[in-house]
């Protein structure tokens, strides 16, 4: 269980688990993590920087301008965020309106409902923040659930091009961090790709062809790329939620 207190995420302790004080600082586009007061790179950041890229992604970068890449990526991220948010709210028993979603988003949510009815996850946690101190990183996984008697981590994706190698590494990194953070054993890791061309509208993939050690190799590459050490923590600009002009007393002029 993760509780939010004044914007800070705390992982509660128990007699059989390690306790990490995980602080999240979010901007409009990124999440940054501090673990026991030390900045920890995000799992997705590590993979973006150091993981190998699939042929399809390489071709995408080659065949589009920087402006097109940014536009397409921003649209995909916005769609993915909206779908993730809707799935989390549904899992938490909330009613979700589909009016603000485009057709691709609506199709993804319908596929999610079909998956839920078919797989029937139970005893689950959503948006669970975890960390590893060896090596040091942190992240927020989508779902931990009991499925067919096994404790599983499920990562939601909305990729058009399929399940990427980096997606598999990501869910294995979450497995390692979750077990280290909570002391609870994970039996299996899955990726749920929503809005796919499958008849069901989703792709349900057991990740068993990569390991936690494969992610650590990418982590080591990330460290090597930064001169053999973690980079400096990011500088985050903080703005007040509300502002107004100060009142001017004309007698002071």
Protein backbone atom coordinates (compact mmCIF):
# COMPACT_ATOMS: atom_id res chain seq x y z
CA UNK A 1 0.00 0.00 0.00
CA UNK A 2 1.25 3.49 -0.88
CA UNK A 3 -0.17 6.59 0.76
CA UNK A 4 0.05 10.17 -0.47
CA UNK A 5 0.78 12.83 2.13
CA UNK A 6 1.19 16.42 0.95
CA UNK A 7 2.56 15.28 -2.39
CA UNK A 8 5.07 12.88 -0.85
CA UNK A 9 4.84 9.13 -1.33
CA UNK A 10 5.65 6.91 1.62
CA UNK A 11 6.00 3.14 1.53
CA UNK A 12 4.90 1.90 4.99
CA UNK A 13 7.16 -0.44 6.89
CA UNK A 14 6.45 -3.93 8.17
CA UNK A 15 8.47 -6.45 10.07
CA UNK A 16 9.38 -8.35 6.90
CA UNK A 17 9.91 -5.50 4.45
CA UNK A 18 12.47 -2.82 3.79
CA UNK A 19 11.21 0.70 4.21
CA UNK A 20 12.08 3.32 1.63
CA UNK A 21 10.97 6.91 1.89
CA UNK A 22 10.10 7.63 -1.75
CA UNK A 23 9.39 11.23 -2.72
CA UNK A 24 7.88 12.05 -6.09
CA UNK A 25 8.19 15.48 -7.68
CA UNK A 26 6.10 15.80 -10.82
CA UNK A 27 6.24 18.36 -13.62
CA UNK A 28 3.83 18.60 -16.53
CA UNK A 29 5.80 16.00 -18.48
CA UNK A 30 8.04 14.04 -16.08
CA UNK A 31 8.18 12.34 -12.68
CA UNK A 32 11.32 12.55 -10.53
CA UNK A 33 12.08 10.36 -7.54
CA UNK A 34 14.10 10.68 -4.35
CA UNK A 35 14.73 7.52 -2.31
CA UNK A 36 15.72 8.09 1.33
CA UNK A 37 16.70 11.64 0.39
CA UNK A 38 18.83 10.65 -2.63
CA UNK A 39 17.78 11.37 -6.21
CA UNK A 40 17.02 8.13 -8.09
CA UNK A 41 16.67 7.99 -11.89
CA UNK A 42 13.28 6.83 -13.14
CA UNK A 43 13.04 3.43 -14.77
CA UNK A 44 11.63 4.90 -17.97
CA UNK A 45 14.40 7.53 -18.12
CA UNK A 46 17.11 4.86 -17.83
CA UNK A 47 15.54 2.82 -20.61
CA UNK A 48 15.00 5.84 -22.86
CA UNK A 49 18.67 6.72 -22.55
CA UNK A 50 20.39 3.33 -22.64
CA UNK A 51 18.14 0.51 -23.90
CA UNK A 52 18.53 -0.74 -27.48
CA UNK A 53 15.94 0.57 -29.94
CA UNK A 54 13.87 -1.72 -32.14
CA UNK A 55 14.20 -1.56 -35.92
CA UNK A 56 10.74 -0.05 -36.26
CA UNK A 57 11.59 2.81 -33.91
CA UNK A 58 14.88 3.45 -35.69
CA UNK A 59 13.04 3.65 -39.02
CA UNK A 60 10.49 5.99 -37.46
CA UNK A 61 13.25 8.37 -36.35
CA UNK A 62 14.93 8.15 -39.77
CA UNK A 63 11.79 8.83 -41.79
CA UNK A 64 10.32 11.74 -39.84
CA UNK A 65 11.44 15.27 -39.11
CA UNK A 66 12.13 16.39 -35.55
CA UNK A 67 8.89 18.36 -35.59
CA UNK A 68 6.87 15.35 -36.76
CA UNK A 69 8.49 13.08 -34.17
CA UNK A 70 7.63 15.52 -31.38
CA UNK A 71 4.05 15.96 -32.60
CA UNK A 72 3.42 12.22 -32.96
CA UNK A 73 5.14 11.43 -29.65
CA UNK A 74 3.21 14.11 -27.76
CA UNK A 75 -0.08 12.80 -29.16
CA UNK A 76 0.81 9.22 -28.25
CA UNK A 77 1.86 10.22 -24.72
CA UNK A 78 -1.35 12.18 -24.18
CA UNK A 79 -3.44 9.24 -25.38
CA UNK A 80 -1.46 6.81 -23.24
CA UNK A 81 -1.81 8.99 -20.15
CA UNK A 82 -5.56 9.33 -20.65
CA UNK A 83 -5.99 5.56 -21.06
CA UNK A 84 -3.80 4.81 -18.03
CA UNK A 85 -5.77 7.27 -15.92
CA UNK A 86 -9.10 5.81 -17.02
CA UNK A 87 -7.94 2.24 -16.29
CA UNK A 88 -6.72 3.22 -12.83
CA UNK A 89 -10.01 4.94 -12.01
CA UNK A 90 -12.03 1.97 -13.23
CA UNK A 91 -9.96 -0.41 -11.10
CA UNK A 92 -10.56 1.85 -8.11
CA UNK A 93 -14.32 1.64 -8.59
CA UNK A 94 -14.88 5.03 -10.19
CA UNK A 95 -17.18 5.79 -13.09
CA UNK A 96 -15.29 6.97 -16.18
CA UNK A 97 -16.63 9.14 -18.99
CA UNK A 98 -15.39 8.32 -22.49
CA UNK A 99 -16.43 11.65 -23.97
CA UNK A 100 -12.97 13.22 -23.73
CA UNK A 101 -11.22 10.25 -25.38
CA UNK A 102 -10.64 9.91 -29.12
CA UNK A 103 -11.64 6.72 -30.96
CA UNK A 104 -8.32 5.06 -30.24
CA UNK A 105 -8.70 5.81 -26.54
CA UNK A 106 -12.28 4.53 -26.49
CA UNK A 107 -11.21 1.31 -28.21
CA UNK A 108 -8.44 0.86 -25.63
CA UNK A 109 -10.87 1.20 -22.72
CA UNK A 110 -13.32 -1.26 -24.29
CA UNK A 111 -10.40 -3.68 -24.70
CA UNK A 112 -9.45 -3.14 -21.06
CA UNK A 113 -12.98 -4.07 -19.94
CA UNK A 114 -12.85 -7.23 -22.05
CA UNK A 115 -9.45 -8.12 -20.56
CA UNK A 116 -10.73 -7.52 -17.02
CA UNK A 117 -13.73 -9.76 -17.62
CA UNK A 118 -11.55 -12.49 -19.13
CA UNK A 119 -8.57 -12.44 -16.73
CA UNK A 120 -10.41 -11.39 -13.55
CA UNK A 121 -7.57 -9.82 -11.53
CA UNK A 122 -8.14 -9.79 -7.77
CA UNK A 123 -6.62 -8.25 -4.65
CA UNK A 124 -4.89 -5.55 -6.61
CA UNK A 125 -2.94 -2.33 -6.11
CA UNK A 126 -2.83 0.43 -8.73
CA UNK A 127 -0.16 3.05 -9.44
CA UNK A 128 2.22 1.57 -6.88
CA UNK A 129 5.51 3.43 -6.38
CA UNK A 130 8.59 1.27 -5.82
CA UNK A 131 12.35 1.67 -5.61
CA UNK A 132 15.57 -0.28 -5.68
CA UNK A 133 18.71 0.78 -3.86
CA UNK A 134 21.00 -1.74 -5.58
CA UNK A 135 21.16 -0.39 -8.23
CA UNK A 136 19.43 2.89 -7.42
CA UNK A 137 16.27 3.67 -9.38
CA UNK A 138 12.53 4.13 -8.85
CA UNK A 139 9.27 4.02 -10.72
CA UNK A 140 5.50 3.69 -10.56
CA UNK A 141 4.00 0.44 -11.80
CA UNK A 142 0.47 0.20 -13.13
CA UNK A 143 -0.96 -2.87 -11.42
CA UNK A 144 -0.08 -5.59 -8.92
CA UNK A 145 -2.76 -8.29 -8.84
CA UNK A 146 -3.53 -11.90 -8.06
CA UNK A 147 -4.25 -13.76 -11.32
CA UNK A 148 -4.93 -17.50 -11.41
CA UNK A 149 -3.48 -17.87 -7.93
CA UNK A 150 -0.25 -16.05 -8.78
CA UNK A 151 0.95 -12.63 -7.67
CA UNK A 152 1.62 -10.64 -10.83
CA UNK A 153 2.81 -7.26 -12.04
CA UNK A 154 0.94 -5.90 -15.07
CA UNK A 155 2.17 -2.95 -17.11
CA UNK A 156 -0.29 -1.19 -19.44
CA UNK A 157 0.85 -0.11 -22.91
CA UNK A 158 -0.86 1.62 -25.82
CA UNK A 159 1.94 1.21 -28.40
CA UNK A 160 0.75 0.88 -31.98
CA UNK A 161 3.83 -1.04 -33.10
CA UNK A 162 3.71 -3.90 -30.63
CA UNK A 163 5.49 -4.78 -27.41
CA UNK A 164 9.03 -3.45 -27.43
CA UNK A 165 12.14 -4.91 -25.84
CA UNK A 166 12.34 -1.88 -23.53
CA UNK A 167 8.74 -2.58 -22.35
CA UNK A 168 9.85 -6.04 -21.20
CA UNK A 169 12.88 -4.61 -19.41
CA UNK A 170 10.65 -2.06 -17.71
CA UNK A 171 8.32 -4.62 -16.17
CA UNK A 172 11.29 -6.71 -15.00
CA UNK A 173 12.78 -3.61 -13.37
CA UNK A 174 9.48 -3.08 -11.56
CA UNK A 175 9.51 -6.69 -10.38
CA UNK A 176 12.96 -6.28 -8.84
CA UNK A 177 12.05 -2.96 -7.21
CA UNK A 178 8.67 -4.18 -5.93
CA UNK A 179 10.18 -7.24 -4.26
CA UNK A 180 12.96 -5.14 -2.74
CA UNK A 181 10.55 -2.46 -1.52
CA UNK A 182 7.83 -4.69 -0.09
CA UNK A 183 9.41 -8.09 0.54
CA UNK A 184 6.55 -9.71 -1.38
CA UNK A 185 7.43 -12.29 -4.05
CA UNK A 186 6.18 -11.73 -7.59
CA UNK A 187 5.37 -14.92 -9.50
CA UNK A 188 4.89 -13.52 -13.01
CA UNK A 189 5.11 -10.31 -15.03
CA UNK A 190 2.81 -9.32 -17.88
CA UNK A 191 2.31 -6.57 -20.42
CA UNK A 192 -1.23 -5.61 -21.42
CA UNK A 193 -1.18 -3.72 -24.73
CA UNK A 194 -4.53 -2.02 -25.25
CA UNK A 195 -6.02 -1.01 -28.59
CA UNK A 196 -4.10 -3.61 -30.60
CA UNK A 197 -5.23 -5.25 -33.85
CA UNK A 198 -6.04 -8.50 -32.09
CA UNK A 199 -9.65 -9.71 -32.25
CA UNK A 200 -10.05 -8.96 -28.55
CA UNK A 201 -8.56 -5.48 -28.98
CA UNK A 202 -5.71 -6.25 -26.62
CA UNK A 203 -2.43 -8.18 -26.46
CA UNK A 204 -1.75 -10.09 -23.22
CA UNK A 205 1.92 -11.08 -22.99
CA UNK A 206 3.72 -13.05 -20.31
CA UNK A 207 7.25 -11.64 -20.03
CA UNK A 208 9.53 -14.62 -19.61
CA UNK A 209 12.24 -14.01 -22.20
CA UNK A 210 14.15 -11.30 -20.29
CA UNK A 211 15.30 -11.10 -16.68
CA UNK A 212 16.02 -8.56 -13.99
CA UNK A 213 19.71 -9.04 -14.79
CA UNK A 214 19.04 -7.83 -18.35
CA UNK A 215 17.69 -4.56 -16.97
CA UNK A 216 20.73 -4.21 -14.69
CA UNK A 217 22.98 -4.52 -17.77
CA UNK A 218 21.14 -1.59 -19.35
CA UNK A 219 21.45 0.29 -16.05
CA UNK A 220 25.22 -0.28 -16.13
CA UNK A 221 25.29 1.13 -19.67
CA UNK A 222 23.36 4.17 -18.44
CA UNK A 223 25.96 4.73 -15.72
CA UNK A 224 28.80 4.33 -18.23
CA UNK A 225 27.17 6.90 -20.51
CA UNK A 226 27.26 9.35 -17.59
CA UNK A 227 30.96 8.99 -16.84
CA UNK A 228 30.65 6.06 -14.46
CA UNK A 229 28.31 7.73 -11.98
CA UNK A 230 24.75 8.92 -11.59
CA UNK A 231 24.12 12.29 -13.26
CA UNK A 232 23.36 15.32 -11.15
CA UNK A 233 19.75 15.63 -9.91
CA UNK A 234 17.52 17.65 -12.23
CA UNK A 235 16.68 21.23 -11.40
CA UNK A 236 12.92 21.51 -11.07
CA UNK A 237 11.22 24.88 -11.42
CA UNK A 238 8.37 25.31 -8.96
CA UNK A 239 5.64 27.85 -9.65
CA UNK A 240 2.92 29.04 -7.27
CA UNK A 241 -0.56 27.70 -7.97
CA UNK A 242 -2.08 31.20 -7.90
CA UNK A 243 -0.70 34.71 -8.40
CA UNK A 244 -2.08 38.24 -8.41
CA UNK A 245 -0.67 41.71 -8.79
CA UNK A 246 0.29 43.44 -5.54
CA UNK A 247 -1.95 46.27 -4.45
CA UNK A 248 -0.39 49.65 -5.02
CA UNK A 249 -1.09 52.47 -2.59
CA UNK A 250 -1.12 55.65 -4.64
CA UNK A 251 -0.02 57.62 -1.58
CA UNK A 252 3.37 55.91 -1.85
CA UNK A 253 3.95 57.32 -5.35
